[in-house]
Amino acid sequence: DIPVEAELGKVGGKEDDGPAVEGESPYTDPDQAQ
């Protein structure tokens, strides 16, 4: 009973100490999301 959030698509910039996201389409594809 622990919910899980996932991510699909690219949220730009640099989160925490992870890699920066640049030069990629930032949008989630609706078909892929389903």
PDB file of all heavy atoms in Angstrom:
ATOM      1  N   ASP A   1       0.818  -1.220   0.000  1.00  0.00           N
ATOM      2  CA  ASP A   1       0.000   0.000   0.000  1.00  0.00           C
ATOM      3  C   ASP A   1       0.849   1.268   0.000  1.00  0.00           C
ATOM      4  O   ASP A   1       0.461   2.291   0.576  1.00  0.00           O
ATOM      5  CB  ASP A   1      -0.963   0.017   1.196  1.00  0.00           C
ATOM      6  CG  ASP A   1      -2.061  -1.027   1.044  1.00  0.00           C
ATOM      7  OD1 ASP A   1      -2.484  -1.274  -0.094  1.00  0.00           O
ATOM      8  OD2 ASP A   1      -2.481  -1.600   2.065  1.00  0.00           O
ATOM      9  N   ILE A   2       1.996   1.204  -0.640  1.00  0.00           N
ATOM     10  CA  ILE A   2       2.849   2.384  -0.811  1.00  0.00           C
ATOM     11  C   ILE A   2       2.760   2.810  -2.273  1.00  0.00           C
ATOM     12  O   ILE A   2       3.172   2.068  -3.163  1.00  0.00           O
ATOM     13  CB  ILE A   2       4.305   2.093  -0.422  1.00  0.00           C
ATOM     14  CG1 ILE A   2       4.383   1.726   1.061  1.00  0.00           C
ATOM     15  CG2 ILE A   2       5.192   3.292  -0.731  1.00  0.00           C
ATOM     16  CD1 ILE A   2       5.773   1.359   1.533  1.00  0.00           C
ATOM     17  N   PRO A   3       2.191   3.984  -2.543  1.00  0.00           N
ATOM     18  CA  PRO A   3       2.031   4.427  -3.930  1.00  0.00           C
ATOM     19  C   PRO A   3       3.367   4.772  -4.578  1.00  0.00           C
ATOM     20  O   PRO A   3       4.319   5.179  -3.904  1.00  0.00           O
ATOM     21  CB  PRO A   3       1.136   5.670  -3.804  1.00  0.00           C
ATOM     22  CG  PRO A   3       1.316   6.135  -2.403  1.00  0.00           C
ATOM     23  CD  PRO A   3       1.607   4.931  -1.580  1.00  0.00           C
ATOM     24  N   VAL A   4       3.405   4.616  -5.891  1.00  0.00           N
ATOM     25  CA  VAL A   4       4.628   4.848  -6.659  1.00  0.00           C
ATOM     26  C   VAL A   4       4.372   5.891  -7.740  1.00  0.00           C
ATOM     27  O   VAL A   4       3.501   5.712  -8.598  1.00  0.00           O
ATOM     28  CB  VAL A   4       5.132   3.547  -7.319  1.00  0.00           C
ATOM     29  CG1 VAL A   4       6.371   3.827  -8.175  1.00  0.00           C
ATOM     30  CG2 VAL A   4       5.426   2.496  -6.261  1.00  0.00           C
ATOM     31  N   GLU A   5       5.129   6.973  -7.684  1.00  0.00           N
ATOM     32  CA  GLU A   5       5.116   7.976  -8.743  1.00  0.00           C
ATOM     33  C   GLU A   5       6.202   7.625  -9.754  1.00  0.00           C
ATOM     34  O   GLU A   5       7.297   7.206  -9.371  1.00  0.00           O
ATOM     35  CB  GLU A   5       5.380   9.363  -8.159  1.00  0.00           C
ATOM     36  CG  GLU A   5       5.457  10.484  -9.189  1.00  0.00           C
ATOM     37  CD  GLU A   5       5.794  11.834  -8.560  1.00  0.00           C
ATOM     38  OE1 GLU A   5       5.418  12.073  -7.390  1.00  0.00           O
ATOM     39  OE2 GLU A   5       6.447  12.652  -9.240  1.00  0.00           O
ATOM     40  N   ALA A   6       5.891   7.779 -11.022  1.00  0.00           N
ATOM     41  CA  ALA A   6       6.867   7.542 -12.074  1.00  0.00           C
ATOM     42  C   ALA A   6       6.967   8.790 -12.941  1.00  0.00           C
ATOM     43  O   ALA A   6       6.177   9.727 -12.791  1.00  0.00           O
ATOM     44  CB  ALA A   6       6.462   6.340 -12.914  1.00  0.00           C
ATOM     45  N   GLU A   7       7.942   8.817 -13.827  1.00  0.00           N
ATOM     46  CA  GLU A   7       8.084   9.973 -14.719  1.00  0.00           C
ATOM     47  C   GLU A   7       8.276   9.495 -16.145  1.00  0.00           C
ATOM     48  O   GLU A   7       9.052   8.572 -16.414  1.00  0.00           O
ATOM     49  CB  GLU A   7       9.270  10.855 -14.306  1.00  0.00           C
ATOM     50  CG  GLU A   7       9.414  12.095 -15.173  1.00  0.00           C
ATOM     51  CD  GLU A   7      10.448  13.088 -14.650  1.00  0.00           C
ATOM     52  OE1 GLU A   7      10.594  13.213 -13.421  1.00  0.00           O
ATOM     53  OE2 GLU A   7      11.121  13.736 -15.485  1.00  0.00           O
ATOM     54  N   LEU A   8       7.567  10.153 -17.050  1.00  0.00           N
ATOM     55  CA  LEU A   8       7.675   9.852 -18.471  1.00  0.00           C
ATOM     56  C   LEU A   8       7.766  11.174 -19.210  1.00  0.00           C
ATOM     57  O   LEU A   8       6.945  12.069 -19.002  1.00  0.00           O
ATOM     58  CB  LEU A   8       6.461   9.062 -18.955  1.00  0.00           C
ATOM     59  CG  LEU A   8       6.483   8.613 -20.413  1.00  0.00           C
ATOM     60  CD1 LEU A   8       7.630   7.631 -20.667  1.00  0.00           C
ATOM     61  CD2 LEU A   8       5.157   7.967 -20.797  1.00  0.00           C
ATOM     62  N   GLY A   9       8.759  11.287 -20.074  1.00  0.00           N
ATOM     63  CA  GLY A   9       9.021  12.570 -20.708  1.00  0.00           C
ATOM     64  C   GLY A   9      10.207  13.212 -20.031  1.00  0.00           C
ATOM     65  O   GLY A   9      10.819  12.645 -19.128  1.00  0.00           O
ATOM     66  N   LYS A  10      10.541  14.420 -20.426  1.00  0.00           N
ATOM     67  CA  LYS A  10      11.733  15.080 -19.906  1.00  0.00           C
ATOM     68  C   LYS A  10      11.369  16.406 -19.256  1.00  0.00           C
ATOM     69  O   LYS A  10      10.921  17.337 -19.929  1.00  0.00           O
ATOM     70  CB  LYS A  10      12.749  15.334 -21.028  1.00  0.00           C
ATOM     71  CG  LYS A  10      13.149  14.093 -21.816  1.00  0.00           C
ATOM     72  CD  LYS A  10      13.948  13.115 -20.967  1.00  0.00           C
ATOM     73  CE  LYS A  10      14.410  11.921 -21.797  1.00  0.00           C
ATOM     74  NZ  LYS A  10      15.155  10.938 -20.998  1.00  0.00           N
ATOM     75  N   VAL A  11      11.561  16.475 -17.942  1.00  0.00           N
ATOM     76  CA  VAL A  11      11.468  17.759 -17.262  1.00  0.00           C
ATOM     77  C   VAL A  11      12.858  18.373 -17.341  1.00  0.00           C
ATOM     78  O   VAL A  11      13.832  17.783 -16.877  1.00  0.00           O
ATOM     79  CB  VAL A  11      11.034  17.593 -15.788  1.00  0.00           C
ATOM     80  CG1 VAL A  11      10.983  18.948 -15.096  1.00  0.00           C
ATOM     81  CG2 VAL A  11       9.671  16.928 -15.739  1.00  0.00           C
ATOM     82  N   GLY A  12      12.962  19.543 -17.965  1.00  0.00           N
ATOM     83  CA  GLY A  12      14.267  20.122 -18.267  1.00  0.00           C
ATOM     84  C   GLY A  12      15.036  20.549 -17.034  1.00  0.00           C
ATOM     85  O   GLY A  12      14.600  20.398 -15.904  1.00  0.00           O
ATOM     86  N   GLY A  13      16.217  21.119 -17.262  1.00  0.00           N
ATOM     87  CA  GLY A  13      17.043  21.613 -16.178  1.00  0.00           C
ATOM     88  C   GLY A  13      17.778  20.497 -15.470  1.00  0.00           C
ATOM     89  O   GLY A  13      17.964  19.397 -15.988  1.00  0.00           O
ATOM     90  N   LYS A  14      18.205  20.802 -14.247  1.00  0.00           N
ATOM     91  CA  LYS A  14      19.026  19.867 -13.467  1.00  0.00           C
ATOM     92  C   LYS A  14      18.383  19.645 -12.115  1.00  0.00           C
ATOM     93  O   LYS A  14      18.254  20.570 -11.321  1.00  0.00           O
ATOM     94  CB  LYS A  14      20.438  20.423 -13.292  1.00  0.00           C
ATOM     95  CG  LYS A  14      21.389  19.515 -12.538  1.00  0.00           C
ATOM     96  CD  LYS A  14      22.774  20.154 -12.491  1.00  0.00           C
ATOM     97  CE  LYS A  14      23.741  19.346 -11.638  1.00  0.00           C
ATOM     98  NZ  LYS A  14      23.974  18.001 -12.152  1.00  0.00           N
ATOM     99  N   GLU A  15      17.940  18.430 -11.867  1.00  0.00           N
ATOM    100  CA  GLU A  15      17.328  18.079 -10.588  1.00  0.00           C
ATOM    101  C   GLU A  15      18.378  17.522  -9.653  1.00  0.00           C
ATOM    102  O   GLU A  15      19.030  16.517  -9.949  1.00  0.00           O
ATOM    103  CB  GLU A  15      16.214  17.035 -10.802  1.00  0.00           C
ATOM    104  CG  GLU A  15      15.734  16.365  -9.528  1.00  0.00           C
ATOM    105  CD  GLU A  15      15.123  17.332  -8.537  1.00  0.00           C
ATOM    106  OE1 GLU A  15      14.500  18.315  -8.980  1.00  0.00           O
ATOM    107  OE2 GLU A  15      15.275  17.115  -7.327  1.00  0.00           O
ATOM    108  N   ASP A  16      18.591  18.220  -8.507  1.00  0.00           N
ATOM    109  CA  ASP A  16      19.471  17.718  -7.472  1.00  0.00           C
ATOM    110  C   ASP A  16      20.873  17.527  -8.053  1.00  0.00           C
ATOM    111  O   ASP A  16      21.428  18.425  -8.671  1.00  0.00           O
ATOM    112  CB  ASP A  16      18.881  16.411  -6.927  1.00  0.00           C
ATOM    113  CG  ASP A  16      19.349  16.080  -5.537  1.00  0.00           C
ATOM    114  OD1 ASP A  16      19.475  17.024  -4.735  1.00  0.00           O
ATOM    115  OD2 ASP A  16      19.572  14.904  -5.238  1.00  0.00           O
ATOM    116  N   ASP A  17      21.463  16.338  -7.879  1.00  0.00           N
ATOM    117  CA  ASP A  17      22.794  16.095  -8.431  1.00  0.00           C
ATOM    118  C   ASP A  17      22.732  15.170  -9.648  1.00  0.00           C
ATOM    119  O   ASP A  17      23.706  14.551 -10.030  1.00  0.00           O
ATOM    120  CB  ASP A  17      23.725  15.496  -7.373  1.00  0.00           C
ATOM    121  CG  ASP A  17      23.153  14.252  -6.703  1.00  0.00           C
ATOM    122  OD1 ASP A  17      22.044  13.832  -7.093  1.00  0.00           O
ATOM    123  OD2 ASP A  17      23.818  13.711  -5.803  1.00  0.00           O
ATOM    124  N   GLY A  18      21.550  15.087 -10.264  1.00  0.00           N
ATOM    125  CA  GLY A  18      21.386  14.272 -11.461  1.00  0.00           C
ATOM    126  C   GLY A  18      21.832  15.016 -12.705  1.00  0.00           C
ATOM    127  O   GLY A  18      22.227  16.182 -12.649  1.00  0.00           O
ATOM    128  N   PRO A  19      21.763  14.369 -13.864  1.00  0.00           N
ATOM    129  CA  PRO A  19      22.198  15.009 -15.107  1.00  0.00           C
ATOM    130  C   PRO A  19      21.209  16.062 -15.580  1.00  0.00           C
ATOM    131  O   PRO A  19      20.004  15.967 -15.340  1.00  0.00           O
ATOM    132  CB  PRO A  19      22.247  13.825 -16.094  1.00  0.00           C
ATOM    133  CG  PRO A  19      21.229  12.866 -15.565  1.00  0.00           C
ATOM    134  CD  PRO A  19      21.299  12.984 -14.073  1.00  0.00           C
ATOM    135  N   ALA A  20      21.718  17.098 -16.216  1.00  0.00           N
ATOM    136  CA  ALA A  20      20.859  18.117 -16.801  1.00  0.00           C
ATOM    137  C   ALA A  20      20.218  17.569 -18.073  1.00  0.00           C
ATOM    138  O   ALA A  20      20.806  16.754 -18.779  1.00  0.00           O
ATOM    139  CB  ALA A  20      21.665  19.371 -17.118  1.00  0.00           C
ATOM    140  N   VAL A  21      19.007  18.010 -18.327  1.00  0.00           N
ATOM    141  CA  VAL A  21      18.296  17.586 -19.529  1.00  0.00           C
ATOM    142  C   VAL A  21      18.299  18.735 -20.519  1.00  0.00           C
ATOM    143  O   VAL A  21      17.718  19.790 -20.264  1.00  0.00           O
ATOM    144  CB  VAL A  21      16.843  17.174 -19.207  1.00  0.00           C
ATOM    145  CG1 VAL A  21      16.095  16.823 -20.484  1.00  0.00           C
ATOM    146  CG2 VAL A  21      16.833  15.991 -18.253  1.00  0.00           C
ATOM    147  N   GLU A  22      18.979  18.564 -21.635  1.00  0.00           N
ATOM    148  CA  GLU A  22      19.062  19.609 -22.643  1.00  0.00           C
ATOM    149  C   GLU A  22      18.966  18.983 -24.027  1.00  0.00           C
ATOM    150  O   GLU A  22      19.390  17.858 -24.250  1.00  0.00           O
ATOM    151  CB  GLU A  22      20.383  20.388 -22.517  1.00  0.00           C
ATOM    152  CG  GLU A  22      20.540  21.130 -21.192  1.00  0.00           C
ATOM    153  CD  GLU A  22      21.887  21.808 -21.074  1.00  0.00           C
ATOM    154  OE1 GLU A  22      22.748  21.546 -21.938  1.00  0.00           O
ATOM    155  OE2 GLU A  22      22.092  22.582 -20.127  1.00  0.00           O
ATOM    156  N   GLY A  23      18.401  19.728 -24.941  1.00  0.00           N
ATOM    157  CA  GLY A  23      18.400  19.314 -26.331  1.00  0.00           C
ATOM    158  C   GLY A  23      17.480  18.161 -26.666  1.00  0.00           C
ATOM    159  O   GLY A  23      17.607  17.558 -27.728  1.00  0.00           O
ATOM    160  N   GLU A  24      16.554  17.815 -25.766  1.00  0.00           N
ATOM    161  CA  GLU A  24      15.614  16.742 -26.045  1.00  0.00           C
ATOM    162  C   GLU A  24      14.195  17.285 -25.997  1.00  0.00           C
ATOM    163  O   GLU A  24      13.930  18.306 -25.387  1.00  0.00           O
ATOM    164  CB  GLU A  24      15.755  15.625 -25.007  1.00  0.00           C
ATOM    165  CG  GLU A  24      17.128  14.978 -24.963  1.00  0.00           C
ATOM    166  CD  GLU A  24      17.189  13.857 -23.939  1.00  0.00           C
ATOM    167  OE1 GLU A  24      16.403  12.898 -24.090  1.00  0.00           O
ATOM    168  OE2 GLU A  24      17.995  13.937 -23.014  1.00  0.00           O
ATOM    169  N   SER A  25      13.280  16.586 -26.663  1.00  0.00           N
ATOM    170  CA  SER A  25      11.886  16.991 -26.591  1.00  0.00           C
ATOM    171  C   SER A  25      11.417  16.897 -25.145  1.00  0.00           C
ATOM    172  O   SER A  25      11.561  15.853 -24.509  1.00  0.00           O
ATOM    173  CB  SER A  25      11.015  16.089 -27.465  1.00  0.00           C
ATOM    174  OG  SER A  25       9.638  16.398 -27.263  1.00  0.00           O
ATOM    175  N   PRO A  26      10.865  17.972 -24.604  1.00  0.00           N
ATOM    176  CA  PRO A  26      10.487  17.965 -23.190  1.00  0.00           C
ATOM    177  C   PRO A  26       9.118  17.362 -22.923  1.00  0.00           C
ATOM    178  O   PRO A  26       8.716  17.270 -21.761  1.00  0.00           O
ATOM    179  CB  PRO A  26      10.488  19.462 -22.848  1.00  0.00           C
ATOM    180  CG  PRO A  26      10.060  20.125 -24.123  1.00  0.00           C
ATOM    181  CD  PRO A  26      10.685  19.297 -25.226  1.00  0.00           C
ATOM    182  N   TYR A  27       8.406  16.960 -23.972  1.00  0.00           N
ATOM    183  CA  TYR A  27       7.006  16.608 -23.792  1.00  0.00           C
ATOM    184  C   TYR A  27       6.767  15.107 -23.695  1.00  0.00           C
ATOM    185  O   TYR A  27       7.385  14.305 -24.386  1.00  0.00           O
ATOM    186  CB  TYR A  27       6.170  17.192 -24.939  1.00  0.00           C
ATOM    187  CG  TYR A  27       6.349  18.678 -25.091  1.00  0.00           C
ATOM    188  CD1 TYR A  27       6.769  19.224 -26.297  1.00  0.00           C
ATOM    189  CD2 TYR A  27       6.118  19.531 -24.010  1.00  0.00           C
ATOM    190  CE1 TYR A  27       6.951  20.598 -26.425  1.00  0.00           C
ATOM    191  CE2 TYR A  27       6.294  20.893 -24.134  1.00  0.00           C
ATOM    192  CZ  TYR A  27       6.714  21.428 -25.338  1.00  0.00           C
ATOM    193  OH  TYR A  27       6.901  22.776 -25.452  1.00  0.00           O
ATOM    194  N   THR A  28       5.836  14.753 -22.818  1.00  0.00           N
ATOM    195  CA  THR A  28       5.404  13.367 -22.691  1.00  0.00           C
ATOM    196  C   THR A  28       4.466  13.021 -23.840  1.00  0.00           C
ATOM    197  O   THR A  28       3.545  13.779 -24.148  1.00  0.00           O
ATOM    198  CB  THR A  28       4.665  13.163 -21.354  1.00  0.00           C
ATOM    199  OG1 THR A  28       5.555  13.490 -20.287  1.00  0.00           O
ATOM    200  CG2 THR A  28       4.173  11.735 -21.206  1.00  0.00           C
ATOM    201  N   ASP A  29       4.713  11.885 -24.466  1.00  0.00           N
ATOM    202  CA  ASP A  29       3.863  11.429 -25.551  1.00  0.00           C
ATOM    203  C   ASP A  29       2.594  10.799 -24.965  1.00  0.00           C
ATOM    204  O   ASP A  29       2.682   9.853 -24.168  1.00  0.00           O
ATOM    205  CB  ASP A  29       4.608  10.398 -26.403  1.00  0.00           C
ATOM    206  CG  ASP A  29       3.777   9.894 -27.565  1.00  0.00           C
ATOM    207  OD1 ASP A  29       2.974   8.961 -27.354  1.00  0.00           O
ATOM    208  OD2 ASP A  29       3.927  10.432 -28.668  1.00  0.00           O
ATOM    209  N   PRO A  30       1.413  11.292 -25.309  1.00  0.00           N
ATOM    210  CA  PRO A  30       0.164  10.764 -24.723  1.00  0.00           C
ATOM    211  C   PRO A  30      -0.041   9.276 -24.971  1.00  0.00           C
ATOM    212  O   PRO A  30      -0.519   8.556 -24.079  1.00  0.00           O
ATOM    213  CB  PRO A  30      -0.920  11.602 -25.406  1.00  0.00           C
ATOM    214  CG  PRO A  30      -0.240  12.878 -25.783  1.00  0.00           C
ATOM    215  CD  PRO A  30       1.154  12.464 -26.170  1.00  0.00           C
ATOM    216  N   ASP A  31       0.297   8.790 -26.163  1.00  0.00           N
ATOM    217  CA  ASP A  31       0.133   7.365 -26.453  1.00  0.00           C
ATOM    218  C   ASP A  31       1.055   6.522 -25.570  1.00  0.00           C
ATOM    219  O   ASP A  31       0.652   5.490 -25.031  1.00  0.00           O
ATOM    220  CB  ASP A  31       0.420   7.085 -27.924  1.00  0.00           C
ATOM    221  CG  ASP A  31      -0.633   7.674 -28.846  1.00  0.00           C
ATOM    222  OD1 ASP A  31      -1.797   7.769 -28.414  1.00  0.00           O
ATOM    223  OD2 ASP A  31      -0.298   8.040 -29.984  1.00  0.00           O
ATOM    224  N   GLN A  32       2.299   6.980 -25.435  1.00  0.00           N
ATOM    225  CA  GLN A  32       3.234   6.274 -24.572  1.00  0.00           C
ATOM    226  C   GLN A  32       2.772   6.314 -23.124  1.00  0.00           C
ATOM    227  O   GLN A  32       2.944   5.347 -22.379  1.00  0.00           O
ATOM    228  CB  GLN A  32       4.634   6.870 -24.697  1.00  0.00           C
ATOM    229  CG  GLN A  32       5.371   6.503 -25.966  1.00  0.00           C
ATOM    230  CD  GLN A  32       6.837   6.904 -25.912  1.00  0.00           C
ATOM    231  OE1 GLN A  32       7.240   7.762 -25.125  1.00  0.00           O
ATOM    232  NE2 GLN A  32       7.651   6.277 -26.735  1.00  0.00           N
ATOM    233  N   ALA A  33       2.185   7.438 -22.712  1.00  0.00           N
ATOM    234  CA  ALA A  33       1.716   7.581 -21.333  1.00  0.00           C
ATOM    235  C   ALA A  33       0.668   6.520 -21.011  1.00  0.00           C
ATOM    236  O   ALA A  33       0.699   5.897 -19.940  1.00  0.00           O
ATOM    237  CB  ALA A  33       1.152   8.979 -21.104  1.00  0.00           C
ATOM    238  N   GLN A  34      -0.249   6.303 -21.920  1.00  0.00           N
ATOM    239  CA  GLN A  34      -1.290   5.301 -21.696  1.00  0.00           C
ATOM    240  C   GLN A  34      -0.685   3.917 -21.557  1.00  0.00           C
ATOM    241  O   GLN A  34      -1.021   3.164 -20.629  1.00  0.00           O
ATOM    242  CB  GLN A  34      -2.293   5.324 -22.849  1.00  0.00           C
ATOM    243  CG  GLN A  34      -3.428   4.320 -22.685  1.00  0.00           C
ATOM    244  CD  GLN A  34      -4.453   4.422 -23.810  1.00  0.00           C
ATOM    245  OE1 GLN A  34      -4.367   5.288 -24.668  1.00  0.00           O
ATOM    246  NE2 GLN A  34      -5.421   3.521 -23.798  1.00  0.00           N
TER     247      GLN A  34
END
